[in-house]
Amino acid sequence: MHFETLDELQHSHDFAVINTHGEKRTLQVLFLTAVTMVVEISAGVAFGSMALLADGWHMGTHVAAFMITIFAYRYARKHADNPAFAFGTGKVSVLGGFTSAITLGVVALMMLIESLQRFFDPHAIHFNEAIAVATLGLIVNLISALLLKDHHHHHGHAEDDHDEDHHHHHDHNLRAAYMHVLADALTSVLAITALISGKYFGWVWMDPLMGIVGALVITRWAYGLVTETGPVLLDSSIETAYRAGITEKIESESDNRVADLHIWSVGPGHYAVILSVVTHHPQPPEHYKNVLAEFSQLSHITVEVNRCTTESCAT
């Protein structure tokens, strides 16, 4: 039996980002945001402010996003060693970010439609009350941003020994949560600007205009999140230059030729590669893995070695 050999050859498939501190802070932000959302939407209806309603709706998307974030953390942790997932649960956080983007896009469309309607059918606005509630929303957003900031930039892994730098800026869950509160803070500023303009200058049209601006900001964020997470979910390959560097490294040794190369993401900052080498002087697969040791993003390497049987096949 070859148990010792098998242990050496088997790969780890733990590519999930485990961030318990970030998860705890996200729960705190979820509570703050949910309470403020209810207050702002209720006040927006009562005081007739589209900008305030837009801010409340935007906060509602963040509540949904934070719930997705927490679910993704817990699901990834629970199923990290589940063999049913071929390459682990590293893409769960990416899927959470993609889902958040779709939610943001739907709400942005709702905000845009309602704001356009307000241009043609303006409602009376209770400016003092609306400004007070919008200011409260801004304060909550700033507190939430401070809660998430340190963990977004310096998130660690208290329950394991993962290298912090290796995962730096790769926690899509926490990044989505952090950017959500920043975007919401901006929407609060727009609401306050619209309400002050309406109160002191009579620019009532600023209220629906700021609703439209808020919708555009959310749309841009949603688009950015889709373009960032979508390619990962669709197994998009690594950058062309990185891919070319791998081929060049292998072919710089002996008469090696790369006959086939597949690279795809299996989690934030982790890539799997299947490499087929043709050569007159074959080496064990471990040799080629060592050749690629400098390519730190390659976390799962499979090498197929083919002996060249003709004079021209490896030239």
C-alpha atoms as a PDB file:
ATOM      1  CA  MET A   1       0.000   0.000   0.000  1.00  0.00           C
ATOM      2  CA  HIS A   2       1.163   3.545  -0.745  1.00  0.00           C
ATOM      3  CA  PHE A   3      -0.528   5.634   1.933  1.00  0.00           C
ATOM      4  CA  GLU A   4       2.470   7.884   2.568  1.00  0.00           C
ATOM      5  CA  THR A   5       2.908   8.567  -1.156  1.00  0.00           C
ATOM      6  CA  LEU A   6      -0.789   9.363  -1.557  1.00  0.00           C
ATOM      7  CA  ASP A   7      -0.702  11.844   1.324  1.00  0.00           C
ATOM      8  CA  GLU A   8       2.163  13.704  -0.317  1.00  0.00           C
ATOM      9  CA  LEU A   9       0.417  13.879  -3.690  1.00  0.00           C
ATOM     10  CA  GLN A  10      -3.040  14.929  -2.528  1.00  0.00           C
ATOM     11  CA  HIS A  11      -3.960  18.614  -2.819  1.00  0.00           C
ATOM     12  CA  SER A  12      -5.706  20.800  -0.284  1.00  0.00           C
ATOM     13  CA  HIS A  13      -9.005  22.184  -1.605  1.00  0.00           C
ATOM     14  CA  ASP A  14      -9.535  24.791   1.112  1.00  0.00           C
ATOM     15  CA  PHE A  15      -9.717  27.995  -0.920  1.00  0.00           C
ATOM     16  CA  ALA A  16     -12.488  29.687   1.109  1.00  0.00           C
ATOM     17  CA  VAL A  17     -11.875  32.998   2.869  1.00  0.00           C
ATOM     18  CA  ILE A  18     -12.608  32.480   6.585  1.00  0.00           C
ATOM     19  CA  ASN A  19     -12.930  35.861   8.295  1.00  0.00           C
ATOM     20  CA  THR A  20     -14.747  35.531  11.620  1.00  0.00           C
ATOM     21  CA  HIS A  21     -13.930  39.082  12.731  1.00  0.00           C
ATOM     22  CA  GLY A  22     -15.316  40.505   9.501  1.00  0.00           C
ATOM     23  CA  GLU A  23     -18.427  38.341   9.909  1.00  0.00           C
ATOM     24  CA  LYS A  24     -18.993  39.679  13.433  1.00  0.00           C
ATOM     25  CA  ARG A  25     -18.628  43.291  12.312  1.00  0.00           C
ATOM     26  CA  THR A  26     -20.975  42.653   9.391  1.00  0.00           C
ATOM     27  CA  LEU A  27     -23.632  41.422  11.841  1.00  0.00           C
ATOM     28  CA  GLN A  28     -23.303  44.657  13.814  1.00  0.00           C
ATOM     29  CA  VAL A  29     -23.602  46.736  10.655  1.00  0.00           C
ATOM     30  CA  LEU A  30     -26.603  44.654   9.541  1.00  0.00           C
ATOM     31  CA  PHE A  31     -28.469  45.557  12.727  1.00  0.00           C
ATOM     32  CA  LEU A  32     -27.662  49.276  12.455  1.00  0.00           C
ATOM     33  CA  THR A  33     -28.600  49.379   8.773  1.00  0.00           C
ATOM     34  CA  ALA A  34     -31.901  47.504   9.226  1.00  0.00           C
ATOM     35  CA  VAL A  35     -33.082  49.886  11.945  1.00  0.00           C
ATOM     36  CA  THR A  36     -32.106  52.956   9.928  1.00  0.00           C
ATOM     37  CA  MET A  37     -33.733  51.541   6.790  1.00  0.00           C
ATOM     38  CA  VAL A  38     -37.090  51.224   8.533  1.00  0.00           C
ATOM     39  CA  VAL A  39     -36.819  54.764   9.923  1.00  0.00           C
ATOM     40  CA  GLU A  40     -35.832  56.334   6.586  1.00  0.00           C
ATOM     41  CA  ILE A  41     -38.471  54.588   4.473  1.00  0.00           C
ATOM     42  CA  SER A  42     -41.187  55.420   7.002  1.00  0.00           C
ATOM     43  CA  ALA A  43     -40.018  59.034   7.166  1.00  0.00           C
ATOM     44  CA  GLY A  44     -39.756  59.289   3.382  1.00  0.00           C
ATOM     45  CA  VAL A  45     -43.389  58.220   3.005  1.00  0.00           C
ATOM     46  CA  ALA A  46     -44.560  60.459   5.853  1.00  0.00           C
ATOM     47  CA  PHE A  47     -42.591  63.549   4.760  1.00  0.00           C
ATOM     48  CA  GLY A  48     -42.897  63.081   0.994  1.00  0.00           C
ATOM     49  CA  SER A  49     -39.173  62.983   0.154  1.00  0.00           C
ATOM     50  CA  MET A  50     -38.095  60.918  -2.845  1.00  0.00           C
ATOM     51  CA  ALA A  51     -34.437  61.426  -1.967  1.00  0.00           C
ATOM     52  CA  LEU A  52     -35.106  60.088   1.537  1.00  0.00           C
ATOM     53  CA  LEU A  53     -37.061  57.148   0.143  1.00  0.00           C
ATOM     54  CA  ALA A  54     -34.205  56.457  -2.265  1.00  0.00           C
ATOM     55  CA  ASP A  55     -31.761  56.434   0.625  1.00  0.00           C
ATOM     56  CA  GLY A  56     -34.016  54.057   2.565  1.00  0.00           C
ATOM     57  CA  TRP A  57     -34.394  51.722  -0.402  1.00  0.00           C
ATOM     58  CA  HIS A  58     -30.668  51.802  -0.938  1.00  0.00           C
ATOM     59  CA  MET A  59     -30.190  50.823   2.706  1.00  0.00           C
ATOM     60  CA  GLY A  60     -32.634  47.970   2.102  1.00  0.00           C
ATOM     61  CA  THR A  61     -30.338  46.593  -0.596  1.00  0.00           C
ATOM     62  CA  HIS A  62     -27.488  46.741   1.893  1.00  0.00           C
ATOM     63  CA  VAL A  63     -29.492  44.775   4.448  1.00  0.00           C
ATOM     64  CA  ALA A  64     -29.999  42.084   1.810  1.00  0.00           C
ATOM     65  CA  ALA A  65     -26.327  42.259   0.836  1.00  0.00           C
ATOM     66  CA  PHE A  66     -25.150  41.925   4.447  1.00  0.00           C
ATOM     67  CA  MET A  67     -27.425  38.905   4.935  1.00  0.00           C
ATOM     68  CA  ILE A  68     -25.917  37.353   1.797  1.00  0.00           C
ATOM     69  CA  THR A  69     -22.439  38.128   3.146  1.00  0.00           C
ATOM     70  CA  ILE A  70     -23.118  36.397   6.459  1.00  0.00           C
ATOM     71  CA  PHE A  71     -24.748  33.415   4.768  1.00  0.00           C
ATOM     72  CA  ALA A  72     -21.769  33.045   2.408  1.00  0.00           C
ATOM     73  CA  TYR A  73     -19.271  33.091   5.292  1.00  0.00           C
ATOM     74  CA  ARG A  74     -21.173  30.445   7.230  1.00  0.00           C
ATOM     75  CA  TYR A  75     -21.933  28.242   4.232  1.00  0.00           C
ATOM     76  CA  ALA A  76     -18.309  28.292   3.065  1.00  0.00           C
ATOM     77  CA  ARG A  77     -17.051  27.445   6.552  1.00  0.00           C
ATOM     78  CA  LYS A  78     -19.588  24.647   7.058  1.00  0.00           C
ATOM     79  CA  HIS A  79     -18.837  22.941   3.728  1.00  0.00           C
ATOM     80  CA  ALA A  80     -15.100  23.690   3.465  1.00  0.00           C
ATOM     81  CA  ASP A  81     -14.217  19.974   3.646  1.00  0.00           C
ATOM     82  CA  ASN A  82     -17.233  18.657   1.776  1.00  0.00           C
ATOM     83  CA  PRO A  83     -15.974  16.377  -1.063  1.00  0.00           C
ATOM     84  CA  ALA A  84     -19.108  17.205  -3.071  1.00  0.00           C
ATOM     85  CA  PHE A  85     -17.398  20.486  -4.001  1.00  0.00           C
ATOM     86  CA  ALA A  86     -14.622  19.561  -6.437  1.00  0.00           C
ATOM     87  CA  PHE A  87     -12.442  22.557  -5.547  1.00  0.00           C
ATOM     88  CA  GLY A  88     -13.920  23.513  -2.183  1.00  0.00           C
ATOM     89  CA  THR A  89     -16.143  26.495  -1.389  1.00  0.00           C
ATOM     90  CA  GLY A  90     -13.796  29.276  -2.441  1.00  0.00           C
ATOM     91  CA  LYS A  91     -16.288  30.734  -4.913  1.00  0.00           C
ATOM     92  CA  VAL A  92     -19.103  31.156  -2.383  1.00  0.00           C
ATOM     93  CA  SER A  93     -17.995  34.692  -1.501  1.00  0.00           C
ATOM     94  CA  VAL A  94     -17.782  35.531  -5.205  1.00  0.00           C
ATOM     95  CA  LEU A  95     -21.325  34.237  -5.744  1.00  0.00           C
ATOM     96  CA  GLY A  96     -22.470  36.381  -2.810  1.00  0.00           C
ATOM     97  CA  GLY A  97     -20.965  39.470  -4.426  1.00  0.00           C
ATOM     98  CA  PHE A  98     -22.604  38.674  -7.767  1.00  0.00           C
ATOM     99  CA  THR A  99     -25.997  38.225  -6.087  1.00  0.00           C
ATOM    100  CA  SER A 100     -25.594  41.563  -4.324  1.00  0.00           C
ATOM    101  CA  ALA A 101     -24.892  43.206  -7.678  1.00  0.00           C
ATOM    102  CA  ILE A 102     -28.120  41.868  -9.185  1.00  0.00           C
ATOM    103  CA  THR A 103     -30.089  43.108  -6.161  1.00  0.00           C
ATOM    104  CA  LEU A 104     -28.547  46.558  -6.473  1.00  0.00           C
ATOM    105  CA  GLY A 105     -29.403  46.720 -10.161  1.00  0.00           C
ATOM    106  CA  VAL A 106     -33.094  45.936  -9.563  1.00  0.00           C
ATOM    107  CA  VAL A 107     -33.428  48.555  -6.817  1.00  0.00           C
ATOM    108  CA  ALA A 108     -31.615  51.154  -8.928  1.00  0.00           C
ATOM    109  CA  LEU A 109     -34.203  50.636 -11.662  1.00  0.00           C
ATOM    110  CA  MET A 110     -37.044  51.084  -9.143  1.00  0.00           C
ATOM    111  CA  MET A 111     -35.450  54.286  -7.845  1.00  0.00           C
ATOM    112  CA  LEU A 112     -35.005  55.648 -11.363  1.00  0.00           C
ATOM    113  CA  ILE A 113     -38.642  55.017 -12.328  1.00  0.00           C
ATOM    114  CA  GLU A 114     -40.000  56.595  -9.118  1.00  0.00           C
ATOM    115  CA  SER A 115     -37.705  59.621  -9.437  1.00  0.00           C
ATOM    116  CA  LEU A 116     -38.802  60.273 -13.023  1.00  0.00           C
ATOM    117  CA  GLN A 117     -42.438  60.098 -11.920  1.00  0.00           C
ATOM    118  CA  ARG A 118     -41.735  62.708  -9.227  1.00  0.00           C
ATOM    119  CA  PHE A 119     -40.542  65.171 -11.886  1.00  0.00           C
ATOM    120  CA  PHE A 120     -44.013  65.172 -13.427  1.00  0.00           C
ATOM    121  CA  ASP A 121     -45.972  64.658 -10.213  1.00  0.00           C
ATOM    122  CA  PRO A 122     -44.075  66.418  -7.378  1.00  0.00           C
ATOM    123  CA  HIS A 123     -45.089  65.743  -3.768  1.00  0.00           C
ATOM    124  CA  ALA A 124     -45.029  68.102  -0.822  1.00  0.00           C
ATOM    125  CA  ILE A 125     -41.930  67.640   1.334  1.00  0.00           C
ATOM    126  CA  HIS A 126     -41.547  68.244   5.081  1.00  0.00           C
ATOM    127  CA  PHE A 127     -37.988  69.492   4.830  1.00  0.00           C
ATOM    128  CA  ASN A 128     -36.979  69.793   8.489  1.00  0.00           C
ATOM    129  CA  GLU A 129     -38.083  66.293   9.429  1.00  0.00           C
ATOM    130  CA  ALA A 130     -36.650  64.765   6.252  1.00  0.00           C
ATOM    131  CA  ILE A 131     -33.261  66.468   6.742  1.00  0.00           C
ATOM    132  CA  ALA A 132     -33.078  65.185  10.319  1.00  0.00           C
ATOM    133  CA  VAL A 133     -33.737  61.591   9.275  1.00  0.00           C
ATOM    134  CA  ALA A 134     -31.323  61.783   6.334  1.00  0.00           C
ATOM    135  CA  THR A 135     -28.621  63.091   8.673  1.00  0.00           C
ATOM    136  CA  LEU A 136     -29.280  60.163  10.993  1.00  0.00           C
ATOM    137  CA  GLY A 137     -28.831  57.811   8.047  1.00  0.00           C
ATOM    138  CA  LEU A 138     -25.514  59.438   7.138  1.00  0.00           C
ATOM    139  CA  ILE A 139     -24.230  59.080  10.706  1.00  0.00           C
ATOM    140  CA  VAL A 140     -25.155  55.385  10.743  1.00  0.00           C
ATOM    141  CA  ASN A 141     -23.419  54.880   7.397  1.00  0.00           C
ATOM    142  CA  LEU A 142     -20.215  56.504   8.638  1.00  0.00           C
ATOM    143  CA  ILE A 143     -20.261  54.376  11.816  1.00  0.00           C
ATOM    144  CA  SER A 144     -20.801  51.257   9.694  1.00  0.00           C
ATOM    145  CA  ALA A 145     -17.921  52.207   7.407  1.00  0.00           C
ATOM    146  CA  LEU A 146     -15.622  52.610  10.408  1.00  0.00           C
ATOM    147  CA  LEU A 147     -16.692  49.201  11.744  1.00  0.00           C
ATOM    148  CA  LEU A 148     -15.837  47.504   8.462  1.00  0.00           C
ATOM    149  CA  LYS A 149     -12.835  49.581   7.385  1.00  0.00           C
ATOM    150  CA  ASP A 150     -10.074  47.900   9.386  1.00  0.00           C
ATOM    151  CA  HIS A 151     -11.297  44.423   8.523  1.00  0.00           C
ATOM    152  CA  HIS A 152     -11.699  45.308   4.843  1.00  0.00           C
ATOM    153  CA  HIS A 153      -8.086  46.476   4.611  1.00  0.00           C
ATOM    154  CA  HIS A 154      -6.454  44.170   7.167  1.00  0.00           C
ATOM    155  CA  HIS A 155      -8.739  41.161   7.528  1.00  0.00           C
ATOM    156  CA  GLY A 156      -7.108  38.209   9.235  1.00  0.00           C
ATOM    157  CA  HIS A 157      -7.918  34.556   9.809  1.00  0.00           C
ATOM    158  CA  ALA A 158      -8.131  33.980  13.527  1.00  0.00           C
ATOM    159  CA  GLU A 159      -9.273  30.382  13.216  1.00  0.00           C
ATOM    160  CA  ASP A 160      -6.561  29.233  10.857  1.00  0.00           C
ATOM    161  CA  ASP A 161      -3.042  30.005   9.809  1.00  0.00           C
ATOM    162  CA  HIS A 162      -3.763  31.357   6.356  1.00  0.00           C
ATOM    163  CA  ASP A 163      -1.348  34.018   5.263  1.00  0.00           C
ATOM    164  CA  GLU A 164      -3.009  37.411   5.554  1.00  0.00           C
ATOM    165  CA  ASP A 165      -1.146  38.977   2.660  1.00  0.00           C
ATOM    166  CA  HIS A 166      -2.076  36.087   0.386  1.00  0.00           C
ATOM    167  CA  HIS A 167      -5.773  36.939   0.759  1.00  0.00           C
ATOM    168  CA  HIS A 168      -5.359  40.707   0.959  1.00  0.00           C
ATOM    169  CA  HIS A 169      -8.200  42.403  -0.962  1.00  0.00           C
ATOM    170  CA  HIS A 170      -9.607  39.028  -2.060  1.00  0.00           C
ATOM    171  CA  ASP A 171     -12.527  38.753   0.407  1.00  0.00           C
ATOM    172  CA  HIS A 172     -15.360  39.629  -1.967  1.00  0.00           C
ATOM    173  CA  ASN A 173     -17.884  39.338   0.864  1.00  0.00           C
ATOM    174  CA  LEU A 174     -16.247  41.951   3.067  1.00  0.00           C
ATOM    175  CA  ARG A 175     -15.323  44.184   0.155  1.00  0.00           C
ATOM    176  CA  ALA A 176     -18.955  44.181  -1.006  1.00  0.00           C
ATOM    177  CA  ALA A 177     -20.172  45.051   2.497  1.00  0.00           C
ATOM    178  CA  TYR A 178     -17.652  47.868   2.849  1.00  0.00           C
ATOM    179  CA  MET A 179     -18.427  49.366  -0.560  1.00  0.00           C
ATOM    180  CA  HIS A 180     -22.151  49.093   0.124  1.00  0.00           C
ATOM    181  CA  VAL A 181     -21.940  51.342   3.181  1.00  0.00           C
ATOM    182  CA  LEU A 182     -19.700  53.817   1.345  1.00  0.00           C
ATOM    183  CA  ALA A 183     -22.191  53.985  -1.524  1.00  0.00           C
ATOM    184  CA  ASP A 184     -25.027  54.415   0.962  1.00  0.00           C
ATOM    185  CA  ALA A 185     -23.163  57.252   2.696  1.00  0.00           C
ATOM    186  CA  LEU A 186     -22.924  58.980  -0.684  1.00  0.00           C
ATOM    187  CA  THR A 187     -26.654  58.523  -1.252  1.00  0.00           C
ATOM    188  CA  SER A 188     -27.336  60.070   2.177  1.00  0.00           C
ATOM    189  CA  VAL A 189     -25.228  63.080   1.225  1.00  0.00           C
ATOM    190  CA  LEU A 190     -27.228  63.442  -2.001  1.00  0.00           C
ATOM    191  CA  ALA A 191     -30.496  63.284  -0.061  1.00  0.00           C
ATOM    192  CA  ILE A 192     -29.359  65.958   2.391  1.00  0.00           C
ATOM    193  CA  THR A 193     -28.166  68.167  -0.487  1.00  0.00           C
ATOM    194  CA  ALA A 194     -31.517  67.847  -2.244  1.00  0.00           C
ATOM    195  CA  LEU A 195     -33.515  68.621   0.890  1.00  0.00           C
ATOM    196  CA  ILE A 196     -31.422  71.668   1.856  1.00  0.00           C
ATOM    197  CA  SER A 197     -31.666  73.009  -1.709  1.00  0.00           C
ATOM    198  CA  GLY A 198     -35.415  72.593  -1.633  1.00  0.00           C
ATOM    199  CA  LYS A 199     -35.809  74.235   1.772  1.00  0.00           C
ATOM    200  CA  TYR A 200     -33.600  77.292   1.288  1.00  0.00           C
ATOM    201  CA  PHE A 201     -33.675  77.887  -2.489  1.00  0.00           C
ATOM    202  CA  GLY A 202     -37.006  76.365  -3.473  1.00  0.00           C
ATOM    203  CA  TRP A 203     -35.324  73.893  -5.795  1.00  0.00           C
ATOM    204  CA  VAL A 204     -37.897  71.153  -5.330  1.00  0.00           C
ATOM    205  CA  TRP A 205     -36.692  69.522  -8.538  1.00  0.00           C
ATOM    206  CA  MET A 206     -33.431  68.680  -6.759  1.00  0.00           C
ATOM    207  CA  ASP A 207     -35.200  65.937  -4.777  1.00  0.00           C
ATOM    208  CA  PRO A 208     -36.072  63.688  -7.753  1.00  0.00           C
ATOM    209  CA  LEU A 209     -32.799  64.689  -9.452  1.00  0.00           C
ATOM    210  CA  MET A 210     -30.809  63.380  -6.498  1.00  0.00           C
ATOM    211  CA  GLY A 211     -32.926  60.225  -6.647  1.00  0.00           C
ATOM    212  CA  ILE A 212     -31.774  59.750 -10.239  1.00  0.00           C
ATOM    213  CA  VAL A 213     -28.161  60.462  -9.337  1.00  0.00           C
ATOM    214  CA  GLY A 214     -28.406  57.920  -6.526  1.00  0.00           C
ATOM    215  CA  ALA A 215     -29.825  55.345  -8.948  1.00  0.00           C
ATOM    216  CA  LEU A 216     -26.932  55.942 -11.344  1.00  0.00           C
ATOM    217  CA  VAL A 217     -24.390  55.565  -8.535  1.00  0.00           C
ATOM    218  CA  ILE A 218     -25.961  52.249  -7.496  1.00  0.00           C
ATOM    219  CA  THR A 219     -26.056  51.085 -11.120  1.00  0.00           C
ATOM    220  CA  ARG A 220     -22.366  51.836 -11.561  1.00  0.00           C
ATOM    221  CA  TRP A 221     -21.525  49.911  -8.373  1.00  0.00           C
ATOM    222  CA  ALA A 222     -23.676  46.972  -9.481  1.00  0.00           C
ATOM    223  CA  TYR A 223     -21.995  46.910 -12.899  1.00  0.00           C
ATOM    224  CA  GLY A 224     -18.543  47.010 -11.345  1.00  0.00           C
ATOM    225  CA  LEU A 225     -19.383  44.143  -9.016  1.00  0.00           C
ATOM    226  CA  VAL A 226     -20.781  42.050 -11.886  1.00  0.00           C
ATOM    227  CA  THR A 227     -17.681  42.600 -14.038  1.00  0.00           C
ATOM    228  CA  GLU A 228     -15.467  41.634 -11.102  1.00  0.00           C
ATOM    229  CA  THR A 229     -17.301  38.499  -9.976  1.00  0.00           C
ATOM    230  CA  GLY A 230     -18.850  37.250 -13.218  1.00  0.00           C
ATOM    231  CA  PRO A 231     -15.613  36.146 -14.908  1.00  0.00           C
ATOM    232  CA  VAL A 232     -14.590  34.211 -11.780  1.00  0.00           C
ATOM    233  CA  LEU A 233     -17.904  32.344 -11.703  1.00  0.00           C
ATOM    234  CA  LEU A 234     -17.541  31.575 -15.421  1.00  0.00           C
ATOM    235  CA  ASP A 235     -14.026  30.144 -14.915  1.00  0.00           C
ATOM    236  CA  SER A 236     -12.329  32.946 -16.793  1.00  0.00           C
ATOM    237  CA  SER A 237      -8.596  32.384 -17.159  1.00  0.00           C
ATOM    238  CA  ILE A 238      -5.844  34.400 -15.484  1.00  0.00           C
ATOM    239  CA  GLU A 239      -4.299  37.502 -17.096  1.00  0.00           C
ATOM    240  CA  THR A 240      -2.653  36.910 -20.477  1.00  0.00           C
ATOM    241  CA  ALA A 241       0.766  38.089 -19.262  1.00  0.00           C
ATOM    242  CA  TYR A 242       0.653  35.716 -16.273  1.00  0.00           C
ATOM    243  CA  ARG A 243      -0.372  32.837 -18.518  1.00  0.00           C
ATOM    244  CA  ALA A 244       2.410  33.632 -20.983  1.00  0.00           C
ATOM    245  CA  GLY A 245       4.911  33.746 -18.117  1.00  0.00           C
ATOM    246  CA  ILE A 246       3.968  30.206 -17.095  1.00  0.00           C
ATOM    247  CA  THR A 247       4.475  28.899 -20.630  1.00  0.00           C
ATOM    248  CA  GLU A 248       7.781  30.731 -20.965  1.00  0.00           C
ATOM    249  CA  LYS A 249       9.044  29.342 -17.660  1.00  0.00           C
ATOM    250  CA  ILE A 250       8.284  25.738 -18.603  1.00  0.00           C
ATOM    251  CA  GLU A 251       9.657  26.044 -22.141  1.00  0.00           C
ATOM    252  CA  SER A 252      12.873  27.755 -20.984  1.00  0.00           C
ATOM    253  CA  GLU A 253      14.060  24.404 -19.621  1.00  0.00           C
ATOM    254  CA  SER A 254      15.436  21.629 -21.809  1.00  0.00           C
ATOM    255  CA  ASP A 255      13.328  21.133 -24.969  1.00  0.00           C
ATOM    256  CA  ASN A 256       9.981  21.358 -23.150  1.00  0.00           C
ATOM    257  CA  ARG A 257       6.882  22.448 -25.063  1.00  0.00           C
ATOM    258  CA  VAL A 258       3.532  23.283 -23.513  1.00  0.00           C
ATOM    259  CA  ALA A 259       0.953  21.337 -25.517  1.00  0.00           C
ATOM    260  CA  ASP A 260      -2.091  22.320 -23.428  1.00  0.00           C
ATOM    261  CA  LEU A 261      -2.688  24.826 -20.641  1.00  0.00           C
ATOM    262  CA  HIS A 262      -5.887  25.490 -18.667  1.00  0.00           C
ATOM    263  CA  ILE A 263      -6.019  27.995 -15.785  1.00  0.00           C
ATOM    264  CA  TRP A 264      -9.127  29.004 -13.853  1.00  0.00           C
ATOM    265  CA  SER A 265     -10.091  30.564 -10.550  1.00  0.00           C
ATOM    266  CA  VAL A 266     -11.132  28.247  -7.705  1.00  0.00           C
ATOM    267  CA  GLY A 267     -11.422  30.952  -5.043  1.00  0.00           C
ATOM    268  CA  PRO A 268     -10.330  34.512  -4.227  1.00  0.00           C
ATOM    269  CA  GLY A 269      -6.638  34.711  -5.131  1.00  0.00           C
ATOM    270  CA  HIS A 270      -6.409  30.988  -5.944  1.00  0.00           C
ATOM    271  CA  TYR A 271      -6.049  29.419  -9.389  1.00  0.00           C
ATOM    272  CA  ALA A 272      -5.961  25.819 -10.560  1.00  0.00           C
ATOM    273  CA  VAL A 273      -3.896  24.799 -13.577  1.00  0.00           C
ATOM    274  CA  ILE A 274      -3.766  21.729 -15.814  1.00  0.00           C
ATOM    275  CA  LEU A 275      -0.552  21.637 -17.805  1.00  0.00           C
ATOM    276  CA  SER A 276       0.461  19.219 -20.557  1.00  0.00           C
ATOM    277  CA  VAL A 277       4.197  19.088 -21.322  1.00  0.00           C
ATOM    278  CA  VAL A 278       5.875  17.412 -24.312  1.00  0.00           C
ATOM    279  CA  THR A 279       9.620  16.729 -24.087  1.00  0.00           C
ATOM    280  CA  HIS A 280      12.389  14.334 -25.130  1.00  0.00           C
ATOM    281  CA  HIS A 281      13.649  14.316 -21.553  1.00  0.00           C
ATOM    282  CA  PRO A 282      10.614  13.827 -19.277  1.00  0.00           C
ATOM    283  CA  GLN A 283      10.856  14.533 -15.553  1.00  0.00           C
ATOM    284  CA  PRO A 284       8.472  13.582 -12.730  1.00  0.00           C
ATOM    285  CA  PRO A 285       5.435  15.897 -12.425  1.00  0.00           C
ATOM    286  CA  GLU A 286       6.820  17.255  -9.151  1.00  0.00           C
ATOM    287  CA  HIS A 287       9.783  18.684 -11.059  1.00  0.00           C
ATOM    288  CA  TYR A 288       7.533  20.886 -13.206  1.00  0.00           C
ATOM    289  CA  LYS A 289       5.561  21.971 -10.166  1.00  0.00           C
ATOM    290  CA  ASN A 290       8.791  23.158  -8.585  1.00  0.00           C
ATOM    291  CA  VAL A 291       9.636  25.058 -11.758  1.00  0.00           C
ATOM    292  CA  LEU A 292       6.356  26.976 -11.311  1.00  0.00           C
ATOM    293  CA  ALA A 293       6.895  27.633  -7.587  1.00  0.00           C
ATOM    294  CA  GLU A 294       7.365  31.382  -8.138  1.00  0.00           C
ATOM    295  CA  PHE A 295       3.820  31.690  -9.508  1.00  0.00           C
ATOM    296  CA  SER A 296       2.142  32.132  -6.115  1.00  0.00           C
ATOM    297  CA  GLN A 297      -1.424  32.366  -7.452  1.00  0.00           C
ATOM    298  CA  LEU A 298      -1.283  28.759  -8.669  1.00  0.00           C
ATOM    299  CA  SER A 299      -2.692  26.837  -5.702  1.00  0.00           C
ATOM    300  CA  HIS A 300      -3.622  23.570  -7.441  1.00  0.00           C
ATOM    301  CA  ILE A 301      -1.272  22.293 -10.177  1.00  0.00           C
ATOM    302  CA  THR A 302      -1.838  19.146 -12.246  1.00  0.00           C
ATOM    303  CA  VAL A 303       0.907  18.172 -14.717  1.00  0.00           C
ATOM    304  CA  GLU A 304       0.695  15.704 -17.596  1.00  0.00           C
ATOM    305  CA  VAL A 305       4.103  14.695 -19.014  1.00  0.00           C
ATOM    306  CA  ASN A 306       4.351  13.262 -22.529  1.00  0.00           C
ATOM    307  CA  ARG A 307       7.558  11.776 -23.945  1.00  0.00           C
ATOM    308  CA  CYS A 308       8.337  13.026 -27.414  1.00  0.00           C
ATOM    309  CA  THR A 309       8.933  10.058 -29.747  1.00  0.00           C
ATOM    310  CA  THR A 310       9.941  12.000 -32.869  1.00  0.00           C
ATOM    311  CA  GLU A 311      12.676  14.485 -33.633  1.00  0.00           C
ATOM    312  CA  SER A 312      10.269  17.349 -34.399  1.00  0.00           C
ATOM    313  CA  CYS A 313       7.458  17.074 -31.810  1.00  0.00           C
ATOM    314  CA  ALA A 314       9.204  19.126 -29.108  1.00  0.00           C
ATOM    315  CA  THR A 315      10.771  21.764 -31.343  1.00  0.00           C
END
